[in-house]
Amino acid sequence: MSRILLVDDEPGIRLTLSEMLKDEGHDVTTAENGRAALEALQQHPPDILLTDISMPGMDGIALAREVATSRPETTIILFTGQGTLENATAALRLGG
């Protein structure tokens, strides 16, 4: 069982993914944006950060950079419904 922090600004997506992950036995904490995710990260350190890229305020790329720096042991998974070459390039740069 993994501790997962799921971040998405769309309530329906958060709920659906959260329930699916819980059904698979994972401990899931959710946040509606990057700032809320950073607060949740302090209280419930995750094994995995699963975050949407496109969110208002702090987007998923900025959140992933912050988490990669402060908690390098955390696995980061980025997803988006609005794929662009720019997003793909930024995500790849985080990996290494």
PDB file of N, CA and C in Angstrom:
ATOM      1  N   MET A   1       0.846  -1.180   0.000  1.00  0.00           N
ATOM      2  CA  MET A   1       0.000   0.000   0.000  1.00  0.00           C
ATOM      3  C   MET A   1       0.890   1.242   0.000  1.00  0.00           C
ATOM      4  N   SER A   2       0.621   2.144  -0.889  1.00  0.00           N
ATOM      5  CA  SER A   2       1.378   3.397  -0.977  1.00  0.00           C
ATOM      6  C   SER A   2       0.552   4.549  -0.433  1.00  0.00           C
ATOM      7  N   ARG A   3       1.257   5.545   0.091  1.00  0.00           N
ATOM      8  CA  ARG A   3       0.613   6.808   0.474  1.00  0.00           C
ATOM      9  C   ARG A   3       0.706   7.720  -0.747  1.00  0.00           C
ATOM     10  N   ILE A   4      -0.443   8.143  -1.249  1.00  0.00           N
ATOM     11  CA  ILE A   4      -0.499   8.936  -2.471  1.00  0.00           C
ATOM     12  C   ILE A   4      -1.115  10.289  -2.175  1.00  0.00           C
ATOM     13  N   LEU A   5      -0.467  11.339  -2.691  1.00  0.00           N
ATOM     14  CA  LEU A   5      -1.033  12.687  -2.667  1.00  0.00           C
ATOM     15  C   LEU A   5      -1.515  12.961  -4.080  1.00  0.00           C
ATOM     16  N   LEU A   6      -2.830  13.101  -4.238  1.00  0.00           N
ATOM     17  CA  LEU A   6      -3.470  13.322  -5.522  1.00  0.00           C
ATOM     18  C   LEU A   6      -3.893  14.787  -5.617  1.00  0.00           C
ATOM     19  N   VAL A   7      -3.424  15.475  -6.656  1.00  0.00           N
ATOM     20  CA  VAL A   7      -3.687  16.908  -6.791  1.00  0.00           C
ATOM     21  C   VAL A   7      -4.345  17.188  -8.136  1.00  0.00           C
ATOM     22  N   ASP A   8      -5.538  17.779  -8.083  1.00  0.00           N
ATOM     23  CA  ASP A   8      -6.244  18.188  -9.298  1.00  0.00           C
ATOM     24  C   ASP A   8      -7.278  19.239  -8.913  1.00  0.00           C
ATOM     25  N   ASP A   9      -7.433  20.256  -9.758  1.00  0.00           N
ATOM     26  CA  ASP A   9      -8.390  21.319  -9.466  1.00  0.00           C
ATOM     27  C   ASP A   9      -9.826  20.939  -9.826  1.00  0.00           C
ATOM     28  N   GLU A  10     -10.018  19.830 -10.518  1.00  0.00           N
ATOM     29  CA  GLU A  10     -11.353  19.369 -10.897  1.00  0.00           C
ATOM     30  C   GLU A  10     -11.868  18.388  -9.843  1.00  0.00           C
ATOM     31  N   PRO A  11     -12.929  18.772  -9.098  1.00  0.00           N
ATOM     32  CA  PRO A  11     -13.430  17.902  -8.030  1.00  0.00           C
ATOM     33  C   PRO A  11     -13.825  16.505  -8.502  1.00  0.00           C
ATOM     34  N   GLY A  12     -14.436  16.397  -9.659  1.00  0.00           N
ATOM     35  CA  GLY A  12     -14.870  15.092 -10.157  1.00  0.00           C
ATOM     36  C   GLY A  12     -13.702  14.171 -10.445  1.00  0.00           C
ATOM     37  N   ILE A  13     -12.647  14.713 -11.009  1.00  0.00           N
ATOM     38  CA  ILE A  13     -11.453  13.911 -11.298  1.00  0.00           C
ATOM     39  C   ILE A  13     -10.801  13.475  -9.998  1.00  0.00           C
ATOM     40  N   ARG A  14     -10.678  14.422  -9.035  1.00  0.00           N
ATOM     41  CA  ARG A  14     -10.107  14.077  -7.725  1.00  0.00           C
ATOM     42  C   ARG A  14     -10.880  12.932  -7.080  1.00  0.00           C
ATOM     43  N   LEU A  15     -12.200  13.042  -7.080  1.00  0.00           N
ATOM     44  CA  LEU A  15     -13.033  12.031  -6.426  1.00  0.00           C
ATOM     45  C   LEU A  15     -12.904  10.673  -7.124  1.00  0.00           C
ATOM     46  N   THR A  16     -13.008  10.668  -8.444  1.00  0.00           N
ATOM     47  CA  THR A  16     -12.938   9.418  -9.193  1.00  0.00           C
ATOM     48  C   THR A  16     -11.598   8.721  -9.014  1.00  0.00           C
ATOM     49  N   LEU A  17     -10.507   9.468  -9.222  1.00  0.00           N
ATOM     50  CA  LEU A  17      -9.175   8.862  -9.072  1.00  0.00           C
ATOM     51  C   LEU A  17      -8.919   8.419  -7.637  1.00  0.00           C
ATOM     52  N   SER A  18      -9.336   9.233  -6.689  1.00  0.00           N
ATOM     53  CA  SER A  18      -9.146   8.903  -5.278  1.00  0.00           C
ATOM     54  C   SER A  18      -9.848   7.593  -4.929  1.00  0.00           C
ATOM     55  N   GLU A  19     -11.089   7.450  -5.351  1.00  0.00           N
ATOM     56  CA  GLU A  19     -11.843   6.228  -5.054  1.00  0.00           C
ATOM     57  C   GLU A  19     -11.209   5.010  -5.726  1.00  0.00           C
ATOM     58  N   MET A  20     -10.758   5.170  -6.972  1.00  0.00           N
ATOM     59  CA  MET A  20     -10.106   4.059  -7.665  1.00  0.00           C
ATOM     60  C   MET A  20      -8.841   3.617  -6.931  1.00  0.00           C
ATOM     61  N   LEU A  21      -8.037   4.591  -6.510  1.00  0.00           N
ATOM     62  CA  LEU A  21      -6.802   4.269  -5.803  1.00  0.00           C
ATOM     63  C   LEU A  21      -7.067   3.642  -4.438  1.00  0.00           C
ATOM     64  N   LYS A  22      -8.069   4.154  -3.742  1.00  0.00           N
ATOM     65  CA  LYS A  22      -8.439   3.575  -2.445  1.00  0.00           C
ATOM     66  C   LYS A  22      -8.923   2.142  -2.615  1.00  0.00           C
ATOM     67  N   ASP A  23      -9.704   1.899  -3.673  1.00  0.00           N
ATOM     68  CA  ASP A  23     -10.182   0.538  -3.940  1.00  0.00           C
ATOM     69  C   ASP A  23      -9.030  -0.434  -4.168  1.00  0.00           C
ATOM     70  N   GLU A  24      -7.902   0.090  -4.638  1.00  0.00           N
ATOM     71  CA  GLU A  24      -6.713  -0.738  -4.858  1.00  0.00           C
ATOM     72  C   GLU A  24      -5.867  -0.868  -3.586  1.00  0.00           C
ATOM     73  N   GLY A  25      -6.324  -0.248  -2.482  1.00  0.00           N
ATOM     74  CA  GLY A  25      -5.649  -0.404  -1.203  1.00  0.00           C
ATOM     75  C   GLY A  25      -4.687   0.701  -0.815  1.00  0.00           C
ATOM     76  N   HIS A  26      -4.663   1.789  -1.577  1.00  0.00           N
ATOM     77  CA  HIS A  26      -3.745   2.883  -1.279  1.00  0.00           C
ATOM     78  C   HIS A  26      -4.354   3.870  -0.281  1.00  0.00           C
ATOM     79  N   ASP A  27      -3.499   4.524   0.461  1.00  0.00           N
ATOM     80  CA  ASP A  27      -3.881   5.591   1.380  1.00  0.00           C
ATOM     81  C   ASP A  27      -3.774   6.896   0.590  1.00  0.00           C
ATOM     82  N   VAL A  28      -4.915   7.550   0.323  1.00  0.00           N
ATOM     83  CA  VAL A  28      -4.943   8.699  -0.575  1.00  0.00           C
ATOM     84  C   VAL A  28      -5.336   9.971   0.166  1.00  0.00           C
ATOM     85  N   THR A  29      -4.514  11.004  -0.012  1.00  0.00           N
ATOM     86  CA  THR A  29      -4.827  12.356   0.436  1.00  0.00           C
ATOM     87  C   THR A  29      -5.015  13.184  -0.824  1.00  0.00           C
ATOM     88  N   THR A  30      -5.992  14.093  -0.814  1.00  0.00           N
ATOM     89  CA  THR A  30      -6.226  14.911  -1.998  1.00  0.00           C
ATOM     90  C   THR A  30      -6.014  16.389  -1.692  1.00  0.00           C
ATOM     91  N   ALA A  31      -5.718  17.140  -2.755  1.00  0.00           N
ATOM     92  CA  ALA A  31      -5.579  18.597  -2.659  1.00  0.00           C
ATOM     93  C   ALA A  31      -6.086  19.189  -3.963  1.00  0.00           C
ATOM     94  N   GLU A  32      -6.669  20.383  -3.870  1.00  0.00           N
ATOM     95  CA  GLU A  32      -7.279  21.007  -5.046  1.00  0.00           C
ATOM     96  C   GLU A  32      -6.342  21.919  -5.825  1.00  0.00           C
ATOM     97  N   ASN A  33      -5.147  22.170  -5.297  1.00  0.00           N
ATOM     98  CA  ASN A  33      -4.183  23.008  -6.019  1.00  0.00           C
ATOM     99  C   ASN A  33      -2.787  22.800  -5.437  1.00  0.00           C
ATOM    100  N   GLY A  34      -1.801  23.434  -6.072  1.00  0.00           N
ATOM    101  CA  GLY A  34      -0.417  23.264  -5.648  1.00  0.00           C
ATOM    102  C   GLY A  34      -0.137  23.720  -4.234  1.00  0.00           C
ATOM    103  N   ARG A  35      -0.689  24.854  -3.864  1.00  0.00           N
ATOM    104  CA  ARG A  35      -0.452  25.373  -2.502  1.00  0.00           C
ATOM    105  C   ARG A  35      -1.034  24.447  -1.443  1.00  0.00           C
ATOM    106  N   ALA A  36      -2.257  23.977  -1.676  1.00  0.00           N
ATOM    107  CA  ALA A  36      -2.876  23.036  -0.731  1.00  0.00           C
ATOM    108  C   ALA A  36      -2.082  21.735  -0.677  1.00  0.00           C
ATOM    109  N   ALA A  37      -1.509  21.344  -1.813  1.00  0.00           N
ATOM    110  CA  ALA A  37      -0.694  20.128  -1.851  1.00  0.00           C
ATOM    111  C   ALA A  37       0.552  20.270  -0.981  1.00  0.00           C
ATOM    112  N   LEU A  38       1.189  21.433  -1.022  1.00  0.00           N
ATOM    113  CA  LEU A  38       2.381  21.646  -0.196  1.00  0.00           C
ATOM    114  C   LEU A  38       2.040  21.561   1.287  1.00  0.00           C
ATOM    115  N   GLU A  39       0.872  22.056   1.669  1.00  0.00           N
ATOM    116  CA  GLU A  39       0.433  21.944   3.069  1.00  0.00           C
ATOM    117  C   GLU A  39       0.171  20.476   3.421  1.00  0.00           C
ATOM    118  N   ALA A  40      -0.512  19.753   2.534  1.00  0.00           N
ATOM    119  CA  ALA A  40      -0.808  18.335   2.781  1.00  0.00           C
ATOM    120  C   ALA A  40       0.474  17.516   2.857  1.00  0.00           C
ATOM    121  N   LEU A  41       1.449  17.897   2.058  1.00  0.00           N
ATOM    122  CA  LEU A  41       2.740  17.209   2.028  1.00  0.00           C
ATOM    123  C   LEU A  41       3.404  17.228   3.403  1.00  0.00           C
ATOM    124  N   GLN A  42       3.255  18.329   4.124  1.00  0.00           N
ATOM    125  CA  GLN A  42       3.845  18.447   5.454  1.00  0.00           C
ATOM    126  C   GLN A  42       3.147  17.547   6.464  1.00  0.00           C
ATOM    127  N   GLN A  43       1.833  17.427   6.347  1.00  0.00           N
ATOM    128  CA  GLN A  43       1.064  16.651   7.327  1.00  0.00           C
ATOM    129  C   GLN A  43       0.999  15.162   7.001  1.00  0.00           C
ATOM    130  N   HIS A  44       1.004  14.823   5.721  1.00  0.00           N
ATOM    131  CA  HIS A  44       0.893  13.435   5.283  1.00  0.00           C
ATOM    132  C   HIS A  44       1.918  13.171   4.183  1.00  0.00           C
ATOM    133  N   PRO A  45       3.188  13.030   4.521  1.00  0.00           N
ATOM    134  CA  PRO A  45       4.218  12.825   3.483  1.00  0.00           C
ATOM    135  C   PRO A  45       3.893  11.601   2.625  1.00  0.00           C
ATOM    136  N   PRO A  46       3.787  11.791   1.308  1.00  0.00           N
ATOM    137  CA  PRO A  46       3.408  10.688   0.433  1.00  0.00           C
ATOM    138  C   PRO A  46       4.618   9.924  -0.106  1.00  0.00           C
ATOM    139  N   ASP A  47       4.343   8.712  -0.554  1.00  0.00           N
ATOM    140  CA  ASP A  47       5.326   7.957  -1.325  1.00  0.00           C
ATOM    141  C   ASP A  47       5.270   8.419  -2.779  1.00  0.00           C
ATOM    142  N   ILE A  48       4.053   8.787  -3.213  1.00  0.00           N
ATOM    143  CA  ILE A  48       3.806   9.157  -4.611  1.00  0.00           C
ATOM    144  C   ILE A  48       3.019  10.459  -4.672  1.00  0.00           C
ATOM    145  N   LEU A  49       3.474  11.371  -5.516  1.00  0.00           N
ATOM    146  CA  LEU A  49       2.720  12.580  -5.846  1.00  0.00           C
ATOM    147  C   LEU A  49       2.133  12.362  -7.227  1.00  0.00           C
ATOM    148  N   LEU A  50       0.818  12.409  -7.330  1.00  0.00           N
ATOM    149  CA  LEU A  50       0.107  12.257  -8.596  1.00  0.00           C
ATOM    150  C   LEU A  50      -0.610  13.575  -8.849  1.00  0.00           C
ATOM    151  N   THR A  51      -0.123  14.353  -9.824  1.00  0.00           N
ATOM    152  CA  THR A  51      -0.647  15.702  -9.996  1.00  0.00           C
ATOM    153  C   THR A  51      -0.963  16.057 -11.440  1.00  0.00           C
ATOM    154  N   ASP A  52      -2.048  16.791 -11.578  1.00  0.00           N
ATOM    155  CA  ASP A  52      -2.397  17.380 -12.870  1.00  0.00           C
ATOM    156  C   ASP A  52      -1.374  18.469 -13.172  1.00  0.00           C
ATOM    157  N   ILE A  53      -1.073  18.687 -14.423  1.00  0.00           N
ATOM    158  CA  ILE A  53      -0.153  19.755 -14.799  1.00  0.00           C
ATOM    159  C   ILE A  53      -0.865  21.093 -14.830  1.00  0.00           C
ATOM    160  N   SER A  54      -2.050  21.123 -15.441  1.00  0.00           N
ATOM    161  CA  SER A  54      -2.751  22.393 -15.659  1.00  0.00           C
ATOM    162  C   SER A  54      -3.692  22.715 -14.502  1.00  0.00           C
ATOM    163  N   MET A  55      -3.240  23.628 -13.637  1.00  0.00           N
ATOM    164  CA  MET A  55      -4.049  24.088 -12.510  1.00  0.00           C
ATOM    165  C   MET A  55      -3.794  25.577 -12.331  1.00  0.00           C
ATOM    166  N   PRO A  56      -4.792  26.313 -11.839  1.00  0.00           N
ATOM    167  CA  PRO A  56      -4.561  27.736 -11.574  1.00  0.00           C
ATOM    168  C   PRO A  56      -3.585  27.927 -10.416  1.00  0.00           C
ATOM    169  N   GLY A  57      -2.930  29.059 -10.409  1.00  0.00           N
ATOM    170  CA  GLY A  57      -1.944  29.325  -9.354  1.00  0.00           C
ATOM    171  C   GLY A  57      -0.702  28.507  -9.621  1.00  0.00           C
ATOM    172  N   MET A  58      -0.290  27.731  -8.642  1.00  0.00           N
ATOM    173  CA  MET A  58       0.882  26.860  -8.801  1.00  0.00           C
ATOM    174  C   MET A  58       0.471  25.648  -9.630  1.00  0.00           C
ATOM    175  N   ASP A  59       1.049  25.518 -10.822  1.00  0.00           N
ATOM    176  CA  ASP A  59       0.695  24.374 -11.669  1.00  0.00           C
ATOM    177  C   ASP A  59       1.455  23.128 -11.231  1.00  0.00           C
ATOM    178  N   GLY A  60       1.159  22.008 -11.886  1.00  0.00           N
ATOM    179  CA  GLY A  60       1.763  20.740 -11.514  1.00  0.00           C
ATOM    180  C   GLY A  60       3.263  20.675 -11.737  1.00  0.00           C
ATOM    181  N   ILE A  61       3.755  21.389 -12.752  1.00  0.00           N
ATOM    182  CA  ILE A  61       5.204  21.407 -13.004  1.00  0.00           C
ATOM    183  C   ILE A  61       5.925  22.101 -11.851  1.00  0.00           C
ATOM    184  N   ALA A  62       5.408  23.262 -11.434  1.00  0.00           N
ATOM    185  CA  ALA A  62       6.021  23.987 -10.313  1.00  0.00           C
ATOM    186  C   ALA A  62       5.940  23.163  -9.035  1.00  0.00           C
ATOM    187  N   LEU A  63       4.811  22.514  -8.807  1.00  0.00           N
ATOM    188  CA  LEU A  63       4.659  21.660  -7.632  1.00  0.00           C
ATOM    189  C   LEU A  63       5.661  20.510  -7.677  1.00  0.00           C
ATOM    190  N   ALA A  64       5.780  19.872  -8.829  1.00  0.00           N
ATOM    191  CA  ALA A  64       6.713  18.752  -8.963  1.00  0.00           C
ATOM    192  C   ALA A  64       8.152  19.189  -8.707  1.00  0.00           C
ATOM    193  N   ARG A  65       8.521  20.374  -9.198  1.00  0.00           N
ATOM    194  CA  ARG A  65       9.879  20.881  -8.939  1.00  0.00           C
ATOM    195  C   ARG A  65      10.115  21.063  -7.445  1.00  0.00           C
ATOM    196  N   GLU A  66       9.130  21.645  -6.778  1.00  0.00           N
ATOM    197  CA  GLU A  66       9.231  21.880  -5.329  1.00  0.00           C
ATOM    198  C   GLU A  66       9.379  20.557  -4.577  1.00  0.00           C
ATOM    199  N   VAL A  67       8.563  19.582  -4.930  1.00  0.00           N
ATOM    200  CA  VAL A  67       8.605  18.286  -4.248  1.00  0.00           C
ATOM    201  C   VAL A  67       9.901  17.547  -4.577  1.00  0.00           C
ATOM    202  N   ALA A  68      10.346  17.612  -5.823  1.00  0.00           N
ATOM    203  CA  ALA A  68      11.597  16.946  -6.208  1.00  0.00           C
ATOM    204  C   ALA A  68      12.780  17.490  -5.416  1.00  0.00           C
ATOM    205  N   THR A  69      12.739  18.766  -5.087  1.00  0.00           N
ATOM    206  CA  THR A  69      13.811  19.390  -4.315  1.00  0.00           C
ATOM    207  C   THR A  69      13.706  19.060  -2.828  1.00  0.00           C
ATOM    208  N   SER A  70      12.494  19.185  -2.278  1.00  0.00           N
ATOM    209  CA  SER A  70      12.329  19.017  -0.831  1.00  0.00           C
ATOM    210  C   SER A  70      12.176  17.564  -0.395  1.00  0.00           C
ATOM    211  N   ARG A  71      11.672  16.698  -1.274  1.00  0.00           N
ATOM    212  CA  ARG A  71      11.447  15.292  -0.944  1.00  0.00           C
ATOM    213  C   ARG A  71      11.848  14.410  -2.125  1.00  0.00           C
ATOM    214  N   PRO A  72      13.140  14.319  -2.420  1.00  0.00           N
ATOM    215  CA  PRO A  72      13.586  13.588  -3.613  1.00  0.00           C
ATOM    216  C   PRO A  72      13.217  12.102  -3.614  1.00  0.00           C
ATOM    217  N   GLU A  73      12.868  11.565  -2.465  1.00  0.00           N
ATOM    218  CA  GLU A  73      12.477  10.153  -2.397  1.00  0.00           C
ATOM    219  C   GLU A  73      11.049   9.910  -2.890  1.00  0.00           C
ATOM    220  N   THR A  74      10.290  10.975  -3.096  1.00  0.00           N
ATOM    221  CA  THR A  74       8.900  10.865  -3.543  1.00  0.00           C
ATOM    222  C   THR A  74       8.846  10.632  -5.053  1.00  0.00           C
ATOM    223  N   THR A  75       8.105   9.618  -5.456  1.00  0.00           N
ATOM    224  CA  THR A  75       7.864   9.368  -6.878  1.00  0.00           C
ATOM    225  C   THR A  75       6.843  10.381  -7.368  1.00  0.00           C
ATOM    226  N   ILE A  76       7.118  11.012  -8.513  1.00  0.00           N
ATOM    227  CA  ILE A  76       6.234  12.046  -9.052  1.00  0.00           C
ATOM    228  C   ILE A  76       5.662  11.577 -10.379  1.00  0.00           C
ATOM    229  N   ILE A  77       4.335  11.624 -10.473  1.00  0.00           N
ATOM    230  CA  ILE A  77       3.637  11.279 -11.705  1.00  0.00           C
ATOM    231  C   ILE A  77       2.796  12.479 -12.108  1.00  0.00           C
ATOM    232  N   LEU A  78       3.037  12.987 -13.313  1.00  0.00           N
ATOM    233  CA  LEU A  78       2.297  14.126 -13.847  1.00  0.00           C
ATOM    234  C   LEU A  78       1.292  13.635 -14.881  1.00  0.00           C
ATOM    235  N   PHE A  79       0.105  14.243 -14.897  1.00  0.00           N
ATOM    236  CA  PHE A  79      -0.872  13.914 -15.929  1.00  0.00           C
ATOM    237  C   PHE A  79      -1.562  15.193 -16.373  1.00  0.00           C
ATOM    238  N   THR A  80      -2.149  15.141 -17.563  1.00  0.00           N
ATOM    239  CA  THR A  80      -2.869  16.299 -18.073  1.00  0.00           C
ATOM    240  C   THR A  80      -3.846  15.875 -19.159  1.00  0.00           C
ATOM    241  N   GLY A  81      -4.906  16.621 -19.263  1.00  0.00           N
ATOM    242  CA  GLY A  81      -5.849  16.443 -20.361  1.00  0.00           C
ATOM    243  C   GLY A  81      -5.540  17.403 -21.488  1.00  0.00           C
ATOM    244  N   GLN A  82      -4.517  18.236 -21.301  1.00  0.00           N
ATOM    245  CA  GLN A  82      -4.164  19.268 -22.273  1.00  0.00           C
ATOM    246  C   GLN A  82      -2.691  19.160 -22.615  1.00  0.00           C
ATOM    247  N   GLY A  83      -2.324  18.073 -23.253  1.00  0.00           N
ATOM    248  CA  GLY A  83      -0.916  17.830 -23.559  1.00  0.00           C
ATOM    249  C   GLY A  83      -0.359  18.802 -24.584  1.00  0.00           C
ATOM    250  N   THR A  84       0.814  19.331 -24.276  1.00  0.00           N
ATOM    251  CA  THR A  84       1.532  20.190 -25.215  1.00  0.00           C
ATOM    252  C   THR A  84       2.989  19.768 -25.218  1.00  0.00           C
ATOM    253  N   LEU A  85       3.689  20.137 -26.265  1.00  0.00           N
ATOM    254  CA  LEU A  85       5.118  19.851 -26.333  1.00  0.00           C
ATOM    255  C   LEU A  85       5.856  20.536 -25.189  1.00  0.00           C
ATOM    256  N   GLU A  86       5.443  21.744 -24.846  1.00  0.00           N
ATOM    257  CA  GLU A  86       6.068  22.482 -23.738  1.00  0.00           C
ATOM    258  C   GLU A  86       5.913  21.732 -22.420  1.00  0.00           C
ATOM    259  N   ASN A  87       4.701  21.224 -22.134  1.00  0.00           N
ATOM    260  CA  ASN A  87       4.480  20.464 -20.908  1.00  0.00           C
ATOM    261  C   ASN A  87       5.298  19.185 -20.895  1.00  0.00           C
ATOM    262  N   ALA A  88       5.338  18.498 -22.025  1.00  0.00           N
ATOM    263  CA  ALA A  88       6.096  17.249 -22.099  1.00  0.00           C
ATOM    264  C   ALA A  88       7.586  17.506 -21.856  1.00  0.00           C
ATOM    265  N   THR A  89       8.116  18.553 -22.440  1.00  0.00           N
ATOM    266  CA  THR A  89       9.527  18.902 -22.262  1.00  0.00           C
ATOM    267  C   THR A  89       9.826  19.241 -20.808  1.00  0.00           C
ATOM    268  N   ALA A  90       8.962  20.050 -20.194  1.00  0.00           N
ATOM    269  CA  ALA A  90       9.160  20.419 -18.794  1.00  0.00           C
ATOM    270  C   ALA A  90       9.100  19.185 -17.884  1.00  0.00           C
ATOM    271  N   ALA A  91       8.169  18.294 -18.160  1.00  0.00           N
ATOM    272  CA  ALA A  91       8.049  17.075 -17.353  1.00  0.00           C
ATOM    273  C   ALA A  91       9.277  16.187 -17.510  1.00  0.00           C
ATOM    274  N   LEU A  92       9.778  16.055 -18.721  1.00  0.00           N
ATOM    275  CA  LEU A  92      10.968  15.241 -18.940  1.00  0.00           C
ATOM    276  C   LEU A  92      12.185  15.804 -18.230  1.00  0.00           C
ATOM    277  N   ARG A  93      12.299  17.114 -18.194  1.00  0.00           N
ATOM    278  CA  ARG A  93      13.442  17.739 -17.510  1.00  0.00           C
ATOM    279  C   ARG A  93      13.431  17.444 -16.013  1.00  0.00           C
ATOM    280  N   LEU A  94      12.250  17.272 -15.434  1.00  0.00           N
ATOM    281  CA  LEU A  94      12.168  16.941 -14.006  1.00  0.00           C
ATOM    282  C   LEU A  94      12.767  15.577 -13.720  1.00  0.00           C
ATOM    283  N   GLY A  95      12.721  14.688 -14.689  1.00  0.00           N
ATOM    284  CA  GLY A  95      13.194  13.322 -14.469  1.00  0.00           C
ATOM    285  C   GLY A  95      14.691  13.171 -14.519  1.00  0.00           C
ATOM    286  N   GLY A  96      15.363  14.233 -14.839  1.00  0.00           N
ATOM    287  CA  GLY A  96      16.691  13.953 -14.798  1.00  0.00           C
ATOM    288  C   GLY A  96      17.846  14.567 -15.273  1.00  0.00           C
TER     289      GLY A  96
END
